[in-house]
mmCIF file of all heavy atoms, coordinates in Angstrom:
data_MODEL
# 
_entry.id   MODEL 
# 
loop_
_atom_site.group_PDB 
_atom_site.id 
_atom_site.type_symbol 
_atom_site.label_atom_id 
_atom_site.label_alt_id 
_atom_site.label_comp_id 
_atom_site.label_asym_id 
_atom_site.label_entity_id 
_atom_site.label_seq_id 
_atom_site.pdbx_PDB_ins_code 
_atom_site.Cartn_x 
_atom_site.Cartn_y 
_atom_site.Cartn_z 
_atom_site.occupancy 
_atom_site.B_iso_or_equiv 
_atom_site.pdbx_formal_charge 
_atom_site.auth_seq_id 
_atom_site.auth_comp_id 
_atom_site.auth_asym_id 
_atom_site.auth_atom_id 
_atom_site.pdbx_PDB_model_num 
ATOM 1   N N   . LYS A 1 1  ? 1.884   -1.919 8.423   1.00 0.00 ? 1  LYS A N   1 
ATOM 2   C CA  . LYS A 1 1  ? 2.741   -3.002 8.909   1.00 0.00 ? 1  LYS A CA  1 
ATOM 3   C C   . LYS A 1 1  ? 2.875   -4.099 7.848   1.00 0.00 ? 1  LYS A C   1 
ATOM 4   O O   . LYS A 1 1  ? 3.976   -4.596 7.587   1.00 0.00 ? 1  LYS A O   1 
ATOM 5   C CB  . LYS A 1 1  ? 2.147   -3.573 10.193  1.00 0.00 ? 1  LYS A CB  1 
ATOM 6   C CG  . LYS A 1 1  ? 3.014   -4.532 10.922  1.00 0.00 ? 1  LYS A CG  1 
ATOM 7   C CD  . LYS A 1 1  ? 2.362   -4.949 12.231  1.00 0.00 ? 1  LYS A CD  1 
ATOM 8   C CE  . LYS A 1 1  ? 3.229   -5.863 13.034  1.00 0.00 ? 1  LYS A CE  1 
ATOM 9   N NZ  . LYS A 1 1  ? 2.609   -6.255 14.303  1.00 0.00 ? 1  LYS A NZ  1 
ATOM 10  N N   . ASN A 1 2  ? 1.766   -4.466 7.223   1.00 0.00 ? 2  ASN A N   1 
ATOM 11  C CA  . ASN A 1 2  ? 1.794   -5.493 6.182   1.00 0.00 ? 2  ASN A CA  1 
ATOM 12  C C   . ASN A 1 2  ? 2.587   -5.025 4.962   1.00 0.00 ? 2  ASN A C   1 
ATOM 13  O O   . ASN A 1 2  ? 3.317   -5.803 4.349   1.00 0.00 ? 2  ASN A O   1 
ATOM 14  C CB  . ASN A 1 2  ? 0.382   -5.889 5.770   1.00 0.00 ? 2  ASN A CB  1 
ATOM 15  C CG  . ASN A 1 2  ? -0.345  -6.634 6.867   1.00 0.00 ? 2  ASN A CG  1 
ATOM 16  O OD1 . ASN A 1 2  ? 0.264   -7.184 7.777   1.00 0.00 ? 2  ASN A OD1 1 
ATOM 17  N ND2 . ASN A 1 2  ? -1.661  -6.635 6.796   1.00 0.00 ? 2  ASN A ND2 1 
ATOM 18  N N   . PHE A 1 3  ? 2.428   -3.750 4.621   1.00 0.00 ? 3  PHE A N   1 
ATOM 19  C CA  . PHE A 1 3  ? 3.148   -3.217 3.456   1.00 0.00 ? 3  PHE A CA  1 
ATOM 20  C C   . PHE A 1 3  ? 4.651   -3.208 3.702   1.00 0.00 ? 3  PHE A C   1 
ATOM 21  O O   . PHE A 1 3  ? 5.436   -3.488 2.799   1.00 0.00 ? 3  PHE A O   1 
ATOM 22  C CB  . PHE A 1 3  ? 2.651   -1.811 3.121   1.00 0.00 ? 3  PHE A CB  1 
ATOM 23  C CG  . PHE A 1 3  ? 3.253   -1.243 1.880   1.00 0.00 ? 3  PHE A CG  1 
ATOM 24  C CD1 . PHE A 1 3  ? 2.884   -1.719 0.625   1.00 0.00 ? 3  PHE A CD1 1 
ATOM 25  C CD2 . PHE A 1 3  ? 4.202   -0.235 1.947   1.00 0.00 ? 3  PHE A CD2 1 
ATOM 26  C CE1 . PHE A 1 3  ? 3.453   -1.207 -0.534  1.00 0.00 ? 3  PHE A CE1 1 
ATOM 27  C CE2 . PHE A 1 3  ? 4.770   0.291  0.805   1.00 0.00 ? 3  PHE A CE2 1 
ATOM 28  C CZ  . PHE A 1 3  ? 4.396   -0.196 -0.438  1.00 0.00 ? 3  PHE A CZ  1 
ATOM 29  N N   . LYS A 1 4  ? 5.058   -2.915 4.931   1.00 0.00 ? 4  LYS A N   1 
ATOM 30  C CA  . LYS A 1 4  ? 6.483   -2.862 5.258   1.00 0.00 ? 4  LYS A CA  1 
ATOM 31  C C   . LYS A 1 4  ? 7.147   -4.235 5.163   1.00 0.00 ? 4  LYS A C   1 
ATOM 32  O O   . LYS A 1 4  ? 8.361   -4.322 5.012   1.00 0.00 ? 4  LYS A O   1 
ATOM 33  C CB  . LYS A 1 4  ? 6.693   -2.288 6.653   1.00 0.00 ? 4  LYS A CB  1 
ATOM 34  C CG  . LYS A 1 4  ? 6.455   -0.806 6.723   1.00 0.00 ? 4  LYS A CG  1 
ATOM 35  C CD  . LYS A 1 4  ? 6.644   -0.292 8.136   1.00 0.00 ? 4  LYS A CD  1 
ATOM 36  C CE  . LYS A 1 4  ? 6.351   1.180  8.234   1.00 0.00 ? 4  LYS A CE  1 
ATOM 37  N NZ  . LYS A 1 4  ? 6.512   1.693  9.598   1.00 0.00 ? 4  LYS A NZ  1 
ATOM 38  N N   . THR A 1 5  ? 6.356   -5.305 5.251   1.00 0.00 ? 5  THR A N   1 
ATOM 39  C CA  . THR A 1 5  ? 6.933   -6.642 5.178   1.00 0.00 ? 5  THR A CA  1 
ATOM 40  C C   . THR A 1 5  ? 7.303   -7.037 3.748   1.00 0.00 ? 5  THR A C   1 
ATOM 41  O O   . THR A 1 5  ? 8.048   -7.984 3.548   1.00 0.00 ? 5  THR A O   1 
ATOM 42  C CB  . THR A 1 5  ? 5.971   -7.706 5.747   1.00 0.00 ? 5  THR A CB  1 
ATOM 43  O OG1 . THR A 1 5  ? 4.770   -7.728 4.971   1.00 0.00 ? 5  THR A OG1 1 
ATOM 44  C CG2 . THR A 1 5  ? 5.650   -7.431 7.202   1.00 0.00 ? 5  THR A CG2 1 
ATOM 45  N N   . ILE A 1 6  ? 6.788   -6.279 2.780   1.00 0.00 ? 6  ILE A N   1 
ATOM 46  C CA  . ILE A 1 6  ? 7.093   -6.569 1.379   1.00 0.00 ? 6  ILE A CA  1 
ATOM 47  C C   . ILE A 1 6  ? 8.479   -6.000 1.071   1.00 0.00 ? 6  ILE A C   1 
ATOM 48  O O   . ILE A 1 6  ? 8.693   -4.790 1.177   1.00 0.00 ? 6  ILE A O   1 
ATOM 49  C CB  . ILE A 1 6  ? 6.036   -5.962 0.432   1.00 0.00 ? 6  ILE A CB  1 
ATOM 50  C CG1 . ILE A 1 6  ? 4.642   -6.475 0.780   1.00 0.00 ? 6  ILE A CG1 1 
ATOM 51  C CG2 . ILE A 1 6  ? 6.378   -6.269 -1.017  1.00 0.00 ? 6  ILE A CG2 1 
ATOM 52  C CD1 . ILE A 1 6  ? 3.524   -5.747 0.061   1.00 0.00 ? 6  ILE A CD1 1 
ATOM 53  N N   . ALA A 1 7  ? 9.398   -6.880 0.699   1.00 0.00 ? 7  ALA A N   1 
ATOM 54  C CA  . ALA A 1 7  ? 10.782  -6.465 0.469   1.00 0.00 ? 7  ALA A CA  1 
ATOM 55  C C   . ALA A 1 7  ? 10.884  -5.437 -0.667  1.00 0.00 ? 7  ALA A C   1 
ATOM 56  O O   . ALA A 1 7  ? 11.452  -4.368 -0.494  1.00 0.00 ? 7  ALA A O   1 
ATOM 57  C CB  . ALA A 1 7  ? 11.653  -7.670 0.172   1.00 0.00 ? 7  ALA A CB  1 
ATOM 58  N N   . LYS A 1 8  ? 10.355  -5.786 -1.807  1.00 0.00 ? 8  LYS A N   1 
ATOM 59  C CA  . LYS A 1 8  ? 10.383  -4.883 -2.963  1.00 0.00 ? 8  LYS A CA  1 
ATOM 60  C C   . LYS A 1 8  ? 8.978   -4.820 -3.560  1.00 0.00 ? 8  LYS A C   1 
ATOM 61  O O   . LYS A 1 8  ? 8.645   -5.595 -4.458  1.00 0.00 ? 8  LYS A O   1 
ATOM 62  C CB  . LYS A 1 8  ? 11.377  -5.379 -4.011  1.00 0.00 ? 8  LYS A CB  1 
ATOM 63  C CG  . LYS A 1 8  ? 12.818  -5.286 -3.570  1.00 0.00 ? 8  LYS A CG  1 
ATOM 64  C CD  . LYS A 1 8  ? 13.751  -5.663 -4.693  1.00 0.00 ? 8  LYS A CD  1 
ATOM 65  C CE  . LYS A 1 8  ? 15.191  -5.516 -4.247  1.00 0.00 ? 8  LYS A CE  1 
ATOM 66  N NZ  . LYS A 1 8  ? 16.145  -5.831 -5.297  1.00 0.00 ? 8  LYS A NZ  1 
ATOM 67  N N   . PRO A 1 9  ? 8.167   -3.893 -3.058  1.00 0.00 ? 9  PRO A N   1 
ATOM 68  C CA  . PRO A 1 9  ? 6.790   -3.825 -3.557  1.00 0.00 ? 9  PRO A CA  1 
ATOM 69  C C   . PRO A 1 9  ? 6.740   -3.392 -5.024  1.00 0.00 ? 9  PRO A C   1 
ATOM 70  O O   . PRO A 1 9  ? 7.523   -2.548 -5.463  1.00 0.00 ? 9  PRO A O   1 
ATOM 71  C CB  . PRO A 1 9  ? 6.133   -2.778 -2.660  1.00 0.00 ? 9  PRO A CB  1 
ATOM 72  C CG  . PRO A 1 9  ? 7.243   -2.003 -2.064  1.00 0.00 ? 9  PRO A CG  1 
ATOM 73  C CD  . PRO A 1 9  ? 8.432   -2.889 -2.049  1.00 0.00 ? 9  PRO A CD  1 
ATOM 74  N N   . THR A 1 10 ? 5.822   -3.996 -5.727  1.00 0.00 ? 10 THR A N   1 
ATOM 75  C CA  . THR A 1 10 ? 5.615   -3.614 -7.121  1.00 0.00 ? 10 THR A CA  1 
ATOM 76  C C   . THR A 1 10 ? 4.824   -2.311 -7.156  1.00 0.00 ? 10 THR A C   1 
ATOM 77  O O   . THR A 1 10 ? 4.293   -1.859 -6.144  1.00 0.00 ? 10 THR A O   1 
ATOM 78  C CB  . THR A 1 10 ? 4.826   -4.706 -7.872  1.00 0.00 ? 10 THR A CB  1 
ATOM 79  O OG1 . THR A 1 10 ? 3.511   -4.786 -7.299  1.00 0.00 ? 10 THR A OG1 1 
ATOM 80  C CG2 . THR A 1 10 ? 5.515   -6.056 -7.802  1.00 0.00 ? 10 THR A CG2 1 
ATOM 81  N N   . ASP A 1 11 ? 4.741   -1.733 -8.339  1.00 0.00 ? 11 ASP A N   1 
ATOM 82  C CA  . ASP A 1 11 ? 3.946   -0.509 -8.498  1.00 0.00 ? 11 ASP A CA  1 
ATOM 83  C C   . ASP A 1 11 ? 2.480   -0.783 -8.161  1.00 0.00 ? 11 ASP A C   1 
ATOM 84  O O   . ASP A 1 11 ? 1.815   0.048  -7.537  1.00 0.00 ? 11 ASP A O   1 
ATOM 85  C CB  . ASP A 1 11 ? 4.053   0.028  -9.920  1.00 0.00 ? 11 ASP A CB  1 
ATOM 86  C CG  . ASP A 1 11 ? 5.402   0.672  -10.209 1.00 0.00 ? 11 ASP A CG  1 
ATOM 87  O OD1 . ASP A 1 11 ? 6.125   0.967  -9.234  1.00 0.00 ? 11 ASP A OD1 1 
ATOM 88  O OD2 . ASP A 1 11 ? 5.718   0.889  -11.394 1.00 0.00 ? 11 ASP A OD2 1 
ATOM 89  N N   . LEU A 1 12 ? 1.999   -1.943 -8.544  1.00 0.00 ? 12 LEU A N   1 
ATOM 90  C CA  . LEU A 1 12 ? 0.609   -2.305 -8.273  1.00 0.00 ? 12 LEU A CA  1 
ATOM 91  C C   . LEU A 1 12 ? 0.365   -2.421 -6.769  1.00 0.00 ? 12 LEU A C   1 
ATOM 92  O O   . LEU A 1 12 ? -0.645  -1.904 -6.254  1.00 0.00 ? 12 LEU A O   1 
ATOM 93  C CB  . LEU A 1 12 ? 0.267   -3.625 -8.974  1.00 0.00 ? 12 LEU A CB  1 
ATOM 94  C CG  . LEU A 1 12 ? -1.189  -4.080 -8.906  1.00 0.00 ? 12 LEU A CG  1 
ATOM 95  C CD1 . LEU A 1 12 ? -2.098  -3.047 -9.570  1.00 0.00 ? 12 LEU A CD1 1 
ATOM 96  C CD2 . LEU A 1 12 ? -1.357  -5.421 -9.589  1.00 0.00 ? 12 LEU A CD2 1 
ATOM 97  N N   . GLU A 1 13 ? 1.289   -3.055 -6.058  1.00 0.00 ? 13 GLU A N   1 
ATOM 98  C CA  . GLU A 1 13 ? 1.153   -3.188 -4.604  1.00 0.00 ? 13 GLU A CA  1 
ATOM 99  C C   . GLU A 1 13 ? 1.226   -1.815 -3.920  1.00 0.00 ? 13 GLU A C   1 
ATOM 100 O O   . GLU A 1 13 ? 0.470   -1.535 -2.988  1.00 0.00 ? 13 GLU A O   1 
ATOM 101 C CB  . GLU A 1 13 ? 2.245   -4.106 -4.047  1.00 0.00 ? 13 GLU A CB  1 
ATOM 102 C CG  . GLU A 1 13 ? 2.068   -5.563 -4.428  1.00 0.00 ? 13 GLU A CG  1 
ATOM 103 C CD  . GLU A 1 13 ? 3.278   -6.414 -4.098  1.00 0.00 ? 13 GLU A CD  1 
ATOM 104 O OE1 . GLU A 1 13 ? 4.418   -5.917 -4.194  1.00 0.00 ? 13 GLU A OE1 1 
ATOM 105 O OE2 . GLU A 1 13 ? 3.067   -7.592 -3.739  1.00 0.00 ? 13 GLU A OE2 1 
ATOM 106 N N   . SER A 1 14 ? 2.108   -0.971 -4.404  1.00 0.00 ? 14 SER A N   1 
ATOM 107 C CA  . SER A 1 14 ? 2.238   0.377  -3.845  1.00 0.00 ? 14 SER A CA  1 
ATOM 108 C C   . SER A 1 14 ? 0.975   1.190  -4.094  1.00 0.00 ? 14 SER A C   1 
ATOM 109 O O   . SER A 1 14 ? 0.478   1.880  -3.197  1.00 0.00 ? 14 SER A O   1 
ATOM 110 C CB  . SER A 1 14 ? 3.440   1.097  -4.449  1.00 0.00 ? 14 SER A CB  1 
ATOM 111 O OG  . SER A 1 14 ? 4.625   0.432  -4.114  1.00 0.00 ? 14 SER A OG  1 
ATOM 112 N N   . ASP A 1 15 ? 0.454   1.106  -5.307  1.00 0.00 ? 15 ASP A N   1 
ATOM 113 C CA  . ASP A 1 15 ? -0.781  1.823  -5.632  1.00 0.00 ? 15 ASP A CA  1 
ATOM 114 C C   . ASP A 1 15 ? -1.939  1.338  -4.771  1.00 0.00 ? 15 ASP A C   1 
ATOM 115 O O   . ASP A 1 15 ? -2.748  2.148  -4.292  1.00 0.00 ? 15 ASP A O   1 
ATOM 116 C CB  . ASP A 1 15 ? -1.138  1.648  -7.112  1.00 0.00 ? 15 ASP A CB  1 
ATOM 117 C CG  . ASP A 1 15 ? -0.239  2.443  -8.034  1.00 0.00 ? 15 ASP A CG  1 
ATOM 118 O OD1 . ASP A 1 15 ? 0.453   3.364  -7.545  1.00 0.00 ? 15 ASP A OD1 1 
ATOM 119 O OD2 . ASP A 1 15 ? -0.228  2.143  -9.245  1.00 0.00 ? 15 ASP A OD2 1 
ATOM 120 N N   . LYS A 1 16 ? -2.019  0.035  -4.568  1.00 0.00 ? 16 LYS A N   1 
ATOM 121 C CA  . LYS A 1 16 ? -3.084  -0.536 -3.740  1.00 0.00 ? 16 LYS A CA  1 
ATOM 122 C C   . LYS A 1 16 ? -2.969  -0.031 -2.302  1.00 0.00 ? 16 LYS A C   1 
ATOM 123 O O   . LYS A 1 16 ? -3.967  0.366  -1.694  1.00 0.00 ? 16 LYS A O   1 
ATOM 124 C CB  . LYS A 1 16 ? -3.022  -2.067 -3.774  1.00 0.00 ? 16 LYS A CB  1 
ATOM 125 C CG  . LYS A 1 16 ? -4.111  -2.724 -2.977  1.00 0.00 ? 16 LYS A CG  1 
ATOM 126 C CD  . LYS A 1 16 ? -4.003  -4.248 -3.020  1.00 0.00 ? 16 LYS A CD  1 
ATOM 127 C CE  . LYS A 1 16 ? -5.080  -4.850 -2.126  1.00 0.00 ? 16 LYS A CE  1 
ATOM 128 N NZ  . LYS A 1 16 ? -4.869  -6.251 -1.868  1.00 0.00 ? 16 LYS A NZ  1 
ATOM 129 N N   . PHE A 1 17 ? -1.752  -0.027 -1.759  1.00 0.00 ? 17 PHE A N   1 
ATOM 130 C CA  . PHE A 1 17 ? -1.524  0.453  -0.398  1.00 0.00 ? 17 PHE A CA  1 
ATOM 131 C C   . PHE A 1 17 ? -1.940  1.913  -0.263  1.00 0.00 ? 17 PHE A C   1 
ATOM 132 O O   . PHE A 1 17 ? -2.673  2.281  0.661   1.00 0.00 ? 17 PHE A O   1 
ATOM 133 C CB  . PHE A 1 17 ? -0.050  0.275  -0.024  1.00 0.00 ? 17 PHE A CB  1 
ATOM 134 C CG  . PHE A 1 17 ? 0.325   0.969  1.260   1.00 0.00 ? 17 PHE A CG  1 
ATOM 135 C CD1 . PHE A 1 17 ? -0.101  0.467  2.477   1.00 0.00 ? 17 PHE A CD1 1 
ATOM 136 C CD2 . PHE A 1 17 ? 1.084   2.124  1.242   1.00 0.00 ? 17 PHE A CD2 1 
ATOM 137 C CE1 . PHE A 1 17 ? 0.232   1.103  3.669   1.00 0.00 ? 17 PHE A CE1 1 
ATOM 138 C CE2 . PHE A 1 17 ? 1.430   2.759  2.426   1.00 0.00 ? 17 PHE A CE2 1 
ATOM 139 C CZ  . PHE A 1 17 ? 0.996   2.250  3.638   1.00 0.00 ? 17 PHE A CZ  1 
ATOM 140 N N   . ILE A 1 18 ? -1.500  2.751  -1.181  1.00 0.00 ? 18 ILE A N   1 
ATOM 141 C CA  . ILE A 1 18 ? -1.831  4.175  -1.130  1.00 0.00 ? 18 ILE A CA  1 
ATOM 142 C C   . ILE A 1 18 ? -3.332  4.383  -1.254  1.00 0.00 ? 18 ILE A C   1 
ATOM 143 O O   . ILE A 1 18 ? -3.931  5.171  -0.517  1.00 0.00 ? 18 ILE A O   1 
ATOM 144 C CB  . ILE A 1 18 ? -1.072  4.941  -2.238  1.00 0.00 ? 18 ILE A CB  1 
ATOM 145 C CG1 . ILE A 1 18 ? 0.425   4.940  -1.930  1.00 0.00 ? 18 ILE A CG1 1 
ATOM 146 C CG2 . ILE A 1 18 ? -1.595  6.363  -2.388  1.00 0.00 ? 18 ILE A CG2 1 
ATOM 147 C CD1 . ILE A 1 18 ? 1.292   5.422  -3.066  1.00 0.00 ? 18 ILE A CD1 1 
ATOM 148 N N   . SER A 1 19 ? -3.945  3.645  -2.157  1.00 0.00 ? 19 SER A N   1 
ATOM 149 C CA  . SER A 1 19 ? -5.385  3.756  -2.365  1.00 0.00 ? 19 SER A CA  1 
ATOM 150 C C   . SER A 1 19 ? -6.169  3.367  -1.099  1.00 0.00 ? 19 SER A C   1 
ATOM 151 O O   . SER A 1 19 ? -7.111  4.060  -0.700  1.00 0.00 ? 19 SER A O   1 
ATOM 152 C CB  . SER A 1 19 ? -5.789  2.866  -3.537  1.00 0.00 ? 19 SER A CB  1 
ATOM 153 O OG  . SER A 1 19 ? -7.131  2.988  -3.816  1.00 0.00 ? 19 SER A OG  1 
ATOM 154 N N   . GLU A 1 20 ? -5.763  2.270  -0.462  1.00 0.00 ? 20 GLU A N   1 
ATOM 155 C CA  . GLU A 1 20 ? -6.446  1.824  0.758   1.00 0.00 ? 20 GLU A CA  1 
ATOM 156 C C   . GLU A 1 20 ? -6.260  2.822  1.891   1.00 0.00 ? 20 GLU A C   1 
ATOM 157 O O   . GLU A 1 20 ? -7.194  3.105  2.646   1.00 0.00 ? 20 GLU A O   1 
ATOM 158 C CB  . GLU A 1 20 ? -5.941  0.441  1.175   1.00 0.00 ? 20 GLU A CB  1 
ATOM 159 C CG  . GLU A 1 20 ? -6.401  -0.663 0.246   1.00 0.00 ? 20 GLU A CG  1 
ATOM 160 C CD  . GLU A 1 20 ? -5.744  -1.999 0.528   1.00 0.00 ? 20 GLU A CD  1 
ATOM 161 O OE1 . GLU A 1 20 ? -4.675  -2.036 1.183   1.00 0.00 ? 20 GLU A OE1 1 
ATOM 162 O OE2 . GLU A 1 20 ? -6.295  -3.021 0.095   1.00 0.00 ? 20 GLU A OE2 1 
ATOM 163 N N   . GLN A 1 21 ? -5.056  3.373  2.015   1.00 0.00 ? 21 GLN A N   1 
ATOM 164 C CA  . GLN A 1 21 ? -4.804  4.379  3.055   1.00 0.00 ? 21 GLN A CA  1 
ATOM 165 C C   . GLN A 1 21 ? -5.652  5.631  2.815   1.00 0.00 ? 21 GLN A C   1 
ATOM 166 O O   . GLN A 1 21 ? -6.223  6.188  3.754   1.00 0.00 ? 21 GLN A O   1 
ATOM 167 C CB  . GLN A 1 21 ? -3.310  4.758  3.102   1.00 0.00 ? 21 GLN A CB  1 
ATOM 168 C CG  . GLN A 1 21 ? -2.425  3.712  3.707   1.00 0.00 ? 21 GLN A CG  1 
ATOM 169 C CD  . GLN A 1 21 ? -2.567  3.608  5.223   1.00 0.00 ? 21 GLN A CD  1 
ATOM 170 O OE1 . GLN A 1 21 ? -3.255  4.378  5.871   1.00 0.00 ? 21 GLN A OE1 1 
ATOM 171 N NE2 . GLN A 1 21 ? -1.908  2.636  5.800   1.00 0.00 ? 21 GLN A NE2 1 
ATOM 172 N N   . LEU A 1 22 ? -5.743  6.068  1.567   1.00 0.00 ? 22 LEU A N   1 
ATOM 173 C CA  . LEU A 1 22 ? -6.555  7.245  1.252   1.00 0.00 ? 22 LEU A CA  1 
ATOM 174 C C   . LEU A 1 22 ? -8.031  7.004  1.545   1.00 0.00 ? 22 LEU A C   1 
ATOM 175 O O   . LEU A 1 22 ? -8.725  7.891  2.061   1.00 0.00 ? 22 LEU A O   1 
ATOM 176 C CB  . LEU A 1 22 ? -6.366  7.648  -0.213  1.00 0.00 ? 22 LEU A CB  1 
ATOM 177 C CG  . LEU A 1 22 ? -5.047  8.319  -0.546  1.00 0.00 ? 22 LEU A CG  1 
ATOM 178 C CD1 . LEU A 1 22 ? -4.917  8.545  -2.052  1.00 0.00 ? 22 LEU A CD1 1 
ATOM 179 C CD2 . LEU A 1 22 ? -4.913  9.647  0.185   1.00 0.00 ? 22 LEU A CD2 1 
ATOM 180 N N   . GLN A 1 23 ? -8.510  5.813  1.230   1.00 0.00 ? 23 GLN A N   1 
ATOM 181 C CA  . GLN A 1 23 ? -9.908  5.480  1.533   1.00 0.00 ? 23 GLN A CA  1 
ATOM 182 C C   . GLN A 1 23 ? -10.168 5.554  3.027   1.00 0.00 ? 23 GLN A C   1 
ATOM 183 O O   . GLN A 1 23 ? -11.185 6.094  3.464   1.00 0.00 ? 23 GLN A O   1 
ATOM 184 C CB  . GLN A 1 23 ? -10.258 4.086  1.012   1.00 0.00 ? 23 GLN A CB  1 
ATOM 185 C CG  . GLN A 1 23 ? -10.454 4.009  -0.467  1.00 0.00 ? 23 GLN A CG  1 
ATOM 186 C CD  . GLN A 1 23 ? -10.736 2.579  -0.922  1.00 0.00 ? 23 GLN A CD  1 
ATOM 187 O OE1 . GLN A 1 23 ? -10.341 1.627  -0.269  1.00 0.00 ? 23 GLN A OE1 1 
ATOM 188 N NE2 . GLN A 1 23 ? -11.395 2.454  -2.069  1.00 0.00 ? 23 GLN A NE2 1 
ATOM 189 N N   . LEU A 1 24 ? -9.259  5.019  3.822   1.00 0.00 ? 24 LEU A N   1 
ATOM 190 C CA  . LEU A 1 24 ? -9.423  5.065  5.285   1.00 0.00 ? 24 LEU A CA  1 
ATOM 191 C C   . LEU A 1 24 ? -9.365  6.500  5.803   1.00 0.00 ? 24 LEU A C   1 
ATOM 192 O O   . LEU A 1 24 ? -10.120 6.873  6.695   1.00 0.00 ? 24 LEU A O   1 
ATOM 193 C CB  . LEU A 1 24 ? -8.367  4.201  5.959   1.00 0.00 ? 24 LEU A CB  1 
ATOM 194 C CG  . LEU A 1 24 ? -8.551  2.692  5.809   1.00 0.00 ? 24 LEU A CG  1 
ATOM 195 C CD1 . LEU A 1 24 ? -7.335  1.939  6.326   1.00 0.00 ? 24 LEU A CD1 1 
ATOM 196 C CD2 . LEU A 1 24 ? -9.805  2.229  6.514   1.00 0.00 ? 24 LEU A CD2 1 
ATOM 197 N N   . LYS A 1 25 ? -8.497  7.325  5.247   1.00 0.00 ? 25 LYS A N   1 
ATOM 198 C CA  . LYS A 1 25 ? -8.430  8.728  5.661   1.00 0.00 ? 25 LYS A CA  1 
ATOM 199 C C   . LYS A 1 25 ? -9.721  9.454  5.311   1.00 0.00 ? 25 LYS A C   1 
ATOM 200 O O   . LYS A 1 25 ? -10.211 10.269 6.089   1.00 0.00 ? 25 LYS A O   1 
ATOM 201 C CB  . LYS A 1 25 ? -7.241  9.431  5.009   1.00 0.00 ? 25 LYS A CB  1 
ATOM 202 C CG  . LYS A 1 25 ? -5.931  9.122  5.667   1.00 0.00 ? 25 LYS A CG  1 
ATOM 203 C CD  . LYS A 1 25 ? -4.818  9.949  5.063   1.00 0.00 ? 25 LYS A CD  1 
ATOM 204 C CE  . LYS A 1 25 ? -3.502  9.560  5.650   1.00 0.00 ? 25 LYS A CE  1 
ATOM 205 N NZ  . LYS A 1 25 ? -3.153  10.329 6.818   1.00 0.00 ? 25 LYS A NZ  1 
ATOM 206 N N   . GLN A 1 26 ? -10.284 9.162  4.157   1.00 0.00 ? 26 GLN A N   1 
ATOM 207 C CA  . GLN A 1 26 ? -11.536 9.807  3.751   1.00 0.00 ? 26 GLN A CA  1 
ATOM 208 C C   . GLN A 1 26 ? -12.677 9.396  4.669   1.00 0.00 ? 26 GLN A C   1 
ATOM 209 O O   . GLN A 1 26 ? -13.514 10.215 5.048   1.00 0.00 ? 26 GLN A O   1 
ATOM 210 C CB  . GLN A 1 26 ? -11.866 9.480  2.292   1.00 0.00 ? 26 GLN A CB  1 
ATOM 211 C CG  . GLN A 1 26 ? -10.956 10.182 1.312   1.00 0.00 ? 26 GLN A CG  1 
ATOM 212 C CD  . GLN A 1 26 ? -11.177 9.733  -0.109  1.00 0.00 ? 26 GLN A CD  1 
ATOM 213 O OE1 . GLN A 1 26 ? -11.800 8.709  -0.363  1.00 0.00 ? 26 GLN A OE1 1 
ATOM 214 N NE2 . GLN A 1 26 ? -10.647 10.503 -1.049  1.00 0.00 ? 26 GLN A NE2 1 
# 
């Protein structure tokens, strides 16, 4: 939900989001 509020996420923000999601899945 927080990530979707970012209009144009940077590569760093996208990488952080993916990394956090993967950690939670693990």
